Amino acid sequence: MPRSVTSRGGPAAGVPGLAPGTRRRRDTTGGAQGNERLTAATGAVLLVLFAAEGVTILSIHQLITIHFFLGMLLLGPVTLKACSVCYRFIRYYRGDPDYRRKGPPAPLPRLLGPFVLLTSLGVLGTGIALAVAGSAAGPWLFLHKAFFVLWFGVMTIHVLTYAWRLPRIVGADLSETVGYQRTRAVLAGRPARWLLLTASLLGGLLVAVLTVHLSAAWAGV
């Protein structure tokens, strides 16, 4: 997520949304546009991982270990995307000028956002509970399936709303072209964004490696 520091310069005269005499906050990771690019890149990774996880459902008994491993791996990027979206929400409603200029999401994504987050946490949370409980899962297996059905419906709409934008946004962040000052500011934050995404994947991978042995309790069930 973007980290802001106070500029050493003088008052931010002429900056929309800032009172006279207020020091402008210099965001070294690209501001609102950088946040959008981080969210889009993380979403693209999640799209691939969730698709792979969906394939394992087609033969869940044979692919239970892979299903479990991918579910744990997802924890890292899901956490990063949730933090990125919540960070934008907080900055926008706190009146940050850059985020105000960017504006809020469209009405439908804004309405679906909480349901995407809650159902994603529900699917992953009940999955973790199943891993801990083993085959004596009680109600967790039913809840896991129920959350998945809800998540699939909400996520289908979410993906159809955003997927067509991903190539343009992610491609722009991979581009080496540097133009105006604002473009340079956004691209200057690119290392931090990709470092966060890499760290989220490595964190999820570490959790998956450390817990994959728990899937043995479901082998042959």
C-alpha atoms as a PDB file:
ATOM      1  CA  MET A   1       0.000   0.000   0.000  1.00  0.00           C
ATOM      2  CA  PRO A   2       1.219   3.520  -0.665  1.00  0.00           C
ATOM      3  CA  ARG A   3       3.293   5.109   2.078  1.00  0.00           C
ATOM      4  CA  SER A   4       3.054   8.849   2.393  1.00  0.00           C
ATOM      5  CA  VAL A   5       5.658  11.152   3.839  1.00  0.00           C
ATOM      6  CA  THR A   6       5.610  14.863   4.455  1.00  0.00           C
ATOM      7  CA  SER A   7       7.355  16.826   1.785  1.00  0.00           C
ATOM      8  CA  ARG A   8      10.152  19.165   2.817  1.00  0.00           C
ATOM      9  CA  GLY A   9       8.745  21.820   0.556  1.00  0.00           C
ATOM     10  CA  GLY A  10       6.583  24.739   1.562  1.00  0.00           C
ATOM     11  CA  PRO A  11       2.797  25.061   1.687  1.00  0.00           C
ATOM     12  CA  ALA A  12       0.858  23.261  -1.017  1.00  0.00           C
ATOM     13  CA  ALA A  13      -0.466  26.352  -2.714  1.00  0.00           C
ATOM     14  CA  GLY A  14      -2.939  25.641  -5.449  1.00  0.00           C
ATOM     15  CA  VAL A  15      -3.384  21.955  -4.631  1.00  0.00           C
ATOM     16  CA  PRO A  16      -7.088  21.040  -4.711  1.00  0.00           C
ATOM     17  CA  GLY A  17      -8.465  19.837  -1.389  1.00  0.00           C
ATOM     18  CA  LEU A  18      -5.640  21.198   0.738  1.00  0.00           C
ATOM     19  CA  ALA A  19      -6.116  24.202   2.973  1.00  0.00           C
ATOM     20  CA  PRO A  20      -3.653  27.095   2.626  1.00  0.00           C
ATOM     21  CA  GLY A  21      -0.583  26.517   4.764  1.00  0.00           C
ATOM     22  CA  THR A  22      -1.028  22.731   4.739  1.00  0.00           C
ATOM     23  CA  ARG A  23       2.050  20.752   3.762  1.00  0.00           C
ATOM     24  CA  ARG A  24       1.514  18.506   0.793  1.00  0.00           C
ATOM     25  CA  ARG A  25       1.973  14.790   1.402  1.00  0.00           C
ATOM     26  CA  ARG A  26       4.265  13.238  -1.198  1.00  0.00           C
ATOM     27  CA  ASP A  27       3.237   9.683  -1.998  1.00  0.00           C
ATOM     28  CA  THR A  28       6.286   7.765  -3.207  1.00  0.00           C
ATOM     29  CA  THR A  29       4.321   4.788  -4.548  1.00  0.00           C
ATOM     30  CA  GLY A  30       2.107   6.452  -7.123  1.00  0.00           C
ATOM     31  CA  GLY A  31      -0.885   7.670  -5.132  1.00  0.00           C
ATOM     32  CA  ALA A  32      -4.383   6.713  -6.226  1.00  0.00           C
ATOM     33  CA  GLN A  33      -3.244   5.532  -9.643  1.00  0.00           C
ATOM     34  CA  GLY A  34      -0.515   3.418  -8.073  1.00  0.00           C
ATOM     35  CA  ASN A  35      -3.076   1.922  -5.704  1.00  0.00           C
ATOM     36  CA  GLU A  36      -5.291   1.054  -8.686  1.00  0.00           C
ATOM     37  CA  ARG A  37      -2.376  -0.662 -10.406  1.00  0.00           C
ATOM     38  CA  LEU A  38      -1.481  -2.648  -7.287  1.00  0.00           C
ATOM     39  CA  THR A  39      -5.103  -3.753  -6.905  1.00  0.00           C
ATOM     40  CA  ALA A  40      -5.321  -4.716 -10.583  1.00  0.00           C
ATOM     41  CA  ALA A  41      -2.064  -6.686 -10.570  1.00  0.00           C
ATOM     42  CA  THR A  42      -3.104  -8.549  -7.425  1.00  0.00           C
ATOM     43  CA  GLY A  43      -6.528  -9.201  -8.949  1.00  0.00           C
ATOM     44  CA  ALA A  44      -4.915 -10.680 -12.078  1.00  0.00           C
ATOM     45  CA  VAL A  45      -2.840 -13.055  -9.946  1.00  0.00           C
ATOM     46  CA  LEU A  46      -5.911 -14.038  -7.945  1.00  0.00           C
ATOM     47  CA  LEU A  47      -7.875 -14.684 -11.130  1.00  0.00           C
ATOM     48  CA  VAL A  48      -5.278 -17.241 -12.224  1.00  0.00           C
ATOM     49  CA  LEU A  49      -5.014 -18.869  -8.790  1.00  0.00           C
ATOM     50  CA  PHE A  50      -8.777 -19.085  -8.279  1.00  0.00           C
ATOM     51  CA  ALA A  51      -9.159 -20.587 -11.771  1.00  0.00           C
ATOM     52  CA  ALA A  52      -6.577 -23.237 -10.889  1.00  0.00           C
ATOM     53  CA  GLU A  53      -8.351 -23.872  -7.592  1.00  0.00           C
ATOM     54  CA  GLY A  54     -11.619 -24.267  -9.483  1.00  0.00           C
ATOM     55  CA  VAL A  55     -10.079 -26.928 -11.736  1.00  0.00           C
ATOM     56  CA  THR A  56      -9.179 -29.026  -8.677  1.00  0.00           C
ATOM     57  CA  ILE A  57     -12.853 -29.055  -7.641  1.00  0.00           C
ATOM     58  CA  LEU A  58     -13.671 -31.082 -10.758  1.00  0.00           C
ATOM     59  CA  SER A  59     -11.719 -33.994  -9.280  1.00  0.00           C
ATOM     60  CA  ILE A  60     -11.498 -33.019  -5.647  1.00  0.00           C
ATOM     61  CA  HIS A  61     -10.774 -36.504  -4.243  1.00  0.00           C
ATOM     62  CA  GLN A  62      -7.761 -36.998  -6.487  1.00  0.00           C
ATOM     63  CA  LEU A  63      -6.551 -33.393  -6.264  1.00  0.00           C
ATOM     64  CA  ILE A  64      -7.286 -32.655  -2.603  1.00  0.00           C
ATOM     65  CA  THR A  65      -3.621 -31.917  -1.787  1.00  0.00           C
ATOM     66  CA  ILE A  66      -3.308 -29.421  -4.651  1.00  0.00           C
ATOM     67  CA  HIS A  67      -6.684 -27.923  -3.717  1.00  0.00           C
ATOM     68  CA  PHE A  68      -5.501 -27.465  -0.149  1.00  0.00           C
ATOM     69  CA  PHE A  69      -2.111 -26.080  -1.201  1.00  0.00           C
ATOM     70  CA  LEU A  70      -3.637 -23.490  -3.549  1.00  0.00           C
ATOM     71  CA  GLY A  71      -6.185 -22.473  -0.921  1.00  0.00           C
ATOM     72  CA  MET A  72      -3.415 -21.662   1.539  1.00  0.00           C
ATOM     73  CA  LEU A  73      -1.346 -19.936  -1.150  1.00  0.00           C
ATOM     74  CA  LEU A  74      -4.307 -17.658  -1.863  1.00  0.00           C
ATOM     75  CA  LEU A  75      -4.192 -16.236   1.658  1.00  0.00           C
ATOM     76  CA  GLY A  76      -1.280 -13.945   0.796  1.00  0.00           C
ATOM     77  CA  PRO A  77      -2.623 -12.153  -2.300  1.00  0.00           C
ATOM     78  CA  VAL A  78      -6.196 -12.097  -0.951  1.00  0.00           C
ATOM     79  CA  THR A  79      -4.918 -10.254   2.126  1.00  0.00           C
ATOM     80  CA  LEU A  80      -2.960  -7.814  -0.042  1.00  0.00           C
ATOM     81  CA  LYS A  81      -5.946  -7.065  -2.277  1.00  0.00           C
ATOM     82  CA  ALA A  82      -8.229  -6.546   0.725  1.00  0.00           C
ATOM     83  CA  CYS A  83      -5.693  -4.155   2.281  1.00  0.00           C
ATOM     84  CA  SER A  84      -5.247  -2.265  -0.995  1.00  0.00           C
ATOM     85  CA  VAL A  85      -8.997  -1.793  -1.457  1.00  0.00           C
ATOM     86  CA  CYS A  86      -9.540  -0.781   2.177  1.00  0.00           C
ATOM     87  CA  TYR A  87      -6.625   1.655   1.940  1.00  0.00           C
ATOM     88  CA  ARG A  88      -8.256   3.359  -1.043  1.00  0.00           C
ATOM     89  CA  PHE A  89     -11.552   3.503   0.845  1.00  0.00           C
ATOM     90  CA  ILE A  90      -9.917   5.136   3.870  1.00  0.00           C
ATOM     91  CA  ARG A  91      -7.891   7.644   1.856  1.00  0.00           C
ATOM     92  CA  TYR A  92     -10.925   8.640  -0.223  1.00  0.00           C
ATOM     93  CA  TYR A  93     -13.242   9.222   2.720  1.00  0.00           C
ATOM     94  CA  ARG A  94     -10.538  11.038   4.661  1.00  0.00           C
ATOM     95  CA  GLY A  95     -10.469  13.564   1.823  1.00  0.00           C
ATOM     96  CA  ASP A  96      -7.080  12.852   0.238  1.00  0.00           C
ATOM     97  CA  PRO A  97      -6.992  15.128  -2.863  1.00  0.00           C
ATOM     98  CA  ASP A  98      -5.443  12.522  -5.178  1.00  0.00           C
ATOM     99  CA  TYR A  99      -8.011   9.886  -4.237  1.00  0.00           C
ATOM    100  CA  ARG A 100     -10.825  12.438  -4.441  1.00  0.00           C
ATOM    101  CA  ARG A 101      -9.806  13.328  -7.973  1.00  0.00           C
ATOM    102  CA  LYS A 102      -9.739   9.623  -8.839  1.00  0.00           C
ATOM    103  CA  GLY A 103     -13.266   9.313  -7.495  1.00  0.00           C
ATOM    104  CA  PRO A 104     -15.108   6.350  -5.957  1.00  0.00           C
ATOM    105  CA  PRO A 105     -15.731   3.045  -7.761  1.00  0.00           C
ATOM    106  CA  ALA A 106     -18.814   2.741  -9.948  1.00  0.00           C
ATOM    107  CA  PRO A 107     -22.059   2.017  -8.034  1.00  0.00           C
ATOM    108  CA  LEU A 108     -22.219  -1.732  -8.820  1.00  0.00           C
ATOM    109  CA  PRO A 109     -18.615  -2.549  -7.776  1.00  0.00           C
ATOM    110  CA  ARG A 110     -19.060  -0.355  -4.700  1.00  0.00           C
ATOM    111  CA  LEU A 111     -22.165  -2.329  -3.758  1.00  0.00           C
ATOM    112  CA  LEU A 112     -20.549  -5.708  -4.437  1.00  0.00           C
ATOM    113  CA  GLY A 113     -17.256  -4.902  -2.716  1.00  0.00           C
ATOM    114  CA  PRO A 114     -18.256  -5.844   0.856  1.00  0.00           C
ATOM    115  CA  PHE A 115     -19.866  -9.092  -0.366  1.00  0.00           C
ATOM    116  CA  VAL A 116     -16.752 -10.024  -2.350  1.00  0.00           C
ATOM    117  CA  LEU A 117     -14.632  -9.468   0.746  1.00  0.00           C
ATOM    118  CA  LEU A 118     -16.961 -11.284   3.159  1.00  0.00           C
ATOM    119  CA  THR A 119     -17.539 -14.325   0.936  1.00  0.00           C
ATOM    120  CA  SER A 120     -13.813 -14.586   0.138  1.00  0.00           C
ATOM    121  CA  LEU A 121     -12.984 -14.523   3.837  1.00  0.00           C
ATOM    122  CA  GLY A 122     -15.783 -17.038   4.427  1.00  0.00           C
ATOM    123  CA  VAL A 123     -14.452 -19.509   1.862  1.00  0.00           C
ATOM    124  CA  LEU A 124     -10.854 -19.219   3.037  1.00  0.00           C
ATOM    125  CA  GLY A 125     -11.760 -19.118   6.731  1.00  0.00           C
ATOM    126  CA  THR A 126     -13.877 -22.264   6.591  1.00  0.00           C
ATOM    127  CA  GLY A 127     -11.143 -23.899   4.508  1.00  0.00           C
ATOM    128  CA  ILE A 128      -8.651 -23.227   7.291  1.00  0.00           C
ATOM    129  CA  ALA A 129     -11.152 -24.593   9.831  1.00  0.00           C
ATOM    130  CA  LEU A 130     -11.464 -27.780   7.751  1.00  0.00           C
ATOM    131  CA  ALA A 131      -7.688 -28.137   7.693  1.00  0.00           C
ATOM    132  CA  VAL A 132      -7.484 -27.844  11.473  1.00  0.00           C
ATOM    133  CA  ALA A 133     -10.542 -30.022  12.197  1.00  0.00           C
ATOM    134  CA  GLY A 134      -9.608 -32.778   9.755  1.00  0.00           C
ATOM    135  CA  SER A 135     -12.228 -35.229   8.496  1.00  0.00           C
ATOM    136  CA  ALA A 136     -14.256 -34.737  11.710  1.00  0.00           C
ATOM    137  CA  ALA A 137     -15.238 -31.317  10.379  1.00  0.00           C
ATOM    138  CA  GLY A 138     -18.713 -30.948  11.882  1.00  0.00           C
ATOM    139  CA  PRO A 139     -20.531 -28.043  10.192  1.00  0.00           C
ATOM    140  CA  TRP A 140     -17.405 -26.594   8.545  1.00  0.00           C
ATOM    141  CA  LEU A 141     -17.706 -28.606   5.338  1.00  0.00           C
ATOM    142  CA  PHE A 142     -21.304 -27.461   4.822  1.00  0.00           C
ATOM    143  CA  LEU A 143     -20.323 -23.850   5.552  1.00  0.00           C
ATOM    144  CA  HIS A 144     -17.370 -24.100   3.184  1.00  0.00           C
ATOM    145  CA  LYS A 145     -19.627 -25.247   0.355  1.00  0.00           C
ATOM    146  CA  ALA A 146     -22.283 -22.642   1.164  1.00  0.00           C
ATOM    147  CA  PHE A 147     -19.749 -19.808   1.184  1.00  0.00           C
ATOM    148  CA  PHE A 148     -18.320 -21.084  -2.077  1.00  0.00           C
ATOM    149  CA  VAL A 149     -21.712 -20.937  -3.797  1.00  0.00           C
ATOM    150  CA  LEU A 150     -22.252 -17.382  -2.563  1.00  0.00           C
ATOM    151  CA  TRP A 151     -18.703 -16.391  -3.441  1.00  0.00           C
ATOM    152  CA  PHE A 152     -18.963 -17.835  -6.945  1.00  0.00           C
ATOM    153  CA  GLY A 153     -22.097 -15.815  -7.713  1.00  0.00           C
ATOM    154  CA  VAL A 154     -20.693 -12.536  -6.391  1.00  0.00           C
ATOM    155  CA  MET A 155     -17.256 -13.106  -7.915  1.00  0.00           C
ATOM    156  CA  THR A 156     -18.693 -13.847 -11.356  1.00  0.00           C
ATOM    157  CA  ILE A 157     -20.256 -10.385 -11.466  1.00  0.00           C
ATOM    158  CA  HIS A 158     -17.095  -8.832 -10.008  1.00  0.00           C
ATOM    159  CA  VAL A 159     -14.854 -10.454 -12.639  1.00  0.00           C
ATOM    160  CA  LEU A 160     -17.146  -9.507 -15.517  1.00  0.00           C
ATOM    161  CA  THR A 161     -17.076  -5.913 -14.262  1.00  0.00           C
ATOM    162  CA  TYR A 162     -13.307  -5.589 -13.933  1.00  0.00           C
ATOM    163  CA  ALA A 163     -11.573  -8.265 -16.060  1.00  0.00           C
ATOM    164  CA  TRP A 164     -11.663  -6.270 -19.307  1.00  0.00           C
ATOM    165  CA  ARG A 165      -9.696  -3.467 -17.608  1.00  0.00           C
ATOM    166  CA  LEU A 166      -6.900  -5.659 -16.232  1.00  0.00           C
ATOM    167  CA  PRO A 167      -4.723  -5.912 -19.388  1.00  0.00           C
ATOM    168  CA  ARG A 168      -4.658  -2.136 -19.811  1.00  0.00           C
ATOM    169  CA  ILE A 169      -3.904  -1.324 -16.165  1.00  0.00           C
ATOM    170  CA  VAL A 170      -1.348  -4.085 -15.578  1.00  0.00           C
ATOM    171  CA  GLY A 171       0.219  -3.475 -18.984  1.00  0.00           C
ATOM    172  CA  ALA A 172       0.657   0.201 -18.157  1.00  0.00           C
ATOM    173  CA  ASP A 173       2.552  -0.701 -15.000  1.00  0.00           C
ATOM    174  CA  LEU A 174       4.868  -3.033 -16.927  1.00  0.00           C
ATOM    175  CA  SER A 175       5.586  -0.363 -19.544  1.00  0.00           C
ATOM    176  CA  GLU A 176       8.941   1.370 -19.447  1.00  0.00           C
ATOM    177  CA  THR A 177       7.598   4.520 -21.126  1.00  0.00           C
ATOM    178  CA  VAL A 178       7.969   7.592 -18.945  1.00  0.00           C
ATOM    179  CA  GLY A 179       6.362  10.836 -19.984  1.00  0.00           C
ATOM    180  CA  TYR A 180       4.985  13.655 -17.915  1.00  0.00           C
ATOM    181  CA  GLN A 181       5.781  14.307 -14.275  1.00  0.00           C
ATOM    182  CA  ARG A 182       2.654  12.491 -13.039  1.00  0.00           C
ATOM    183  CA  THR A 183       3.587   9.408 -15.078  1.00  0.00           C
ATOM    184  CA  ARG A 184       7.072   9.468 -13.580  1.00  0.00           C
ATOM    185  CA  ALA A 185       5.596   9.648 -10.079  1.00  0.00           C
ATOM    186  CA  VAL A 186       3.385   6.625 -10.734  1.00  0.00           C
ATOM    187  CA  LEU A 187       6.176   4.572 -12.298  1.00  0.00           C
ATOM    188  CA  ALA A 188       8.518   5.538  -9.459  1.00  0.00           C
ATOM    189  CA  GLY A 189       6.272   3.562  -7.132  1.00  0.00           C
ATOM    190  CA  ARG A 190       6.336   0.458  -9.300  1.00  0.00           C
ATOM    191  CA  PRO A 191       9.139  -1.353  -7.377  1.00  0.00           C
ATOM    192  CA  ALA A 192       7.191  -1.010  -4.111  1.00  0.00           C
ATOM    193  CA  ARG A 193       3.995  -2.340  -5.726  1.00  0.00           C
ATOM    194  CA  TRP A 194       5.666  -5.378  -7.236  1.00  0.00           C
ATOM    195  CA  LEU A 195       7.607  -6.000  -4.042  1.00  0.00           C
ATOM    196  CA  LEU A 196       4.320  -6.088  -2.113  1.00  0.00           C
ATOM    197  CA  LEU A 197       2.789  -8.496  -4.621  1.00  0.00           C
ATOM    198  CA  THR A 198       5.850 -10.755  -4.525  1.00  0.00           C
ATOM    199  CA  ALA A 199       5.896 -10.686  -0.722  1.00  0.00           C
ATOM    200  CA  SER A 200       2.205 -11.643  -0.604  1.00  0.00           C
ATOM    201  CA  LEU A 201       2.838 -14.633  -2.862  1.00  0.00           C
ATOM    202  CA  LEU A 202       5.879 -15.720  -0.868  1.00  0.00           C
ATOM    203  CA  GLY A 203       3.908 -15.351   2.362  1.00  0.00           C
ATOM    204  CA  GLY A 204       1.079 -17.471   0.983  1.00  0.00           C
ATOM    205  CA  LEU A 205       3.589 -20.006  -0.334  1.00  0.00           C
ATOM    206  CA  LEU A 206       5.218 -20.285   3.086  1.00  0.00           C
ATOM    207  CA  VAL A 207       1.843 -20.915   4.743  1.00  0.00           C
ATOM    208  CA  ALA A 208       0.980 -23.501   2.085  1.00  0.00           C
ATOM    209  CA  VAL A 209       4.267 -25.365   2.505  1.00  0.00           C
ATOM    210  CA  LEU A 210       4.003 -25.382   6.290  1.00  0.00           C
ATOM    211  CA  THR A 211       0.401 -26.639   6.345  1.00  0.00           C
ATOM    212  CA  VAL A 212       0.056 -28.879   3.287  1.00  0.00           C
ATOM    213  CA  HIS A 213       0.618 -31.974   5.447  1.00  0.00           C
ATOM    214  CA  LEU A 214      -2.795 -31.317   7.059  1.00  0.00           C
ATOM    215  CA  SER A 215      -4.473 -32.307   3.802  1.00  0.00           C
ATOM    216  CA  ALA A 216      -3.560 -35.939   4.527  1.00  0.00           C
ATOM    217  CA  ALA A 217      -6.574 -36.162   6.847  1.00  0.00           C
ATOM    218  CA  TRP A 218      -8.840 -35.675   3.812  1.00  0.00           C
ATOM    219  CA  ALA A 219      -7.090 -38.127   1.516  1.00  0.00           C
ATOM    220  CA  GLY A 220      -9.571 -40.767   0.398  1.00  0.00           C
ATOM    221  CA  VAL A 221     -12.504 -39.113   2.217  1.00  0.00           C
END
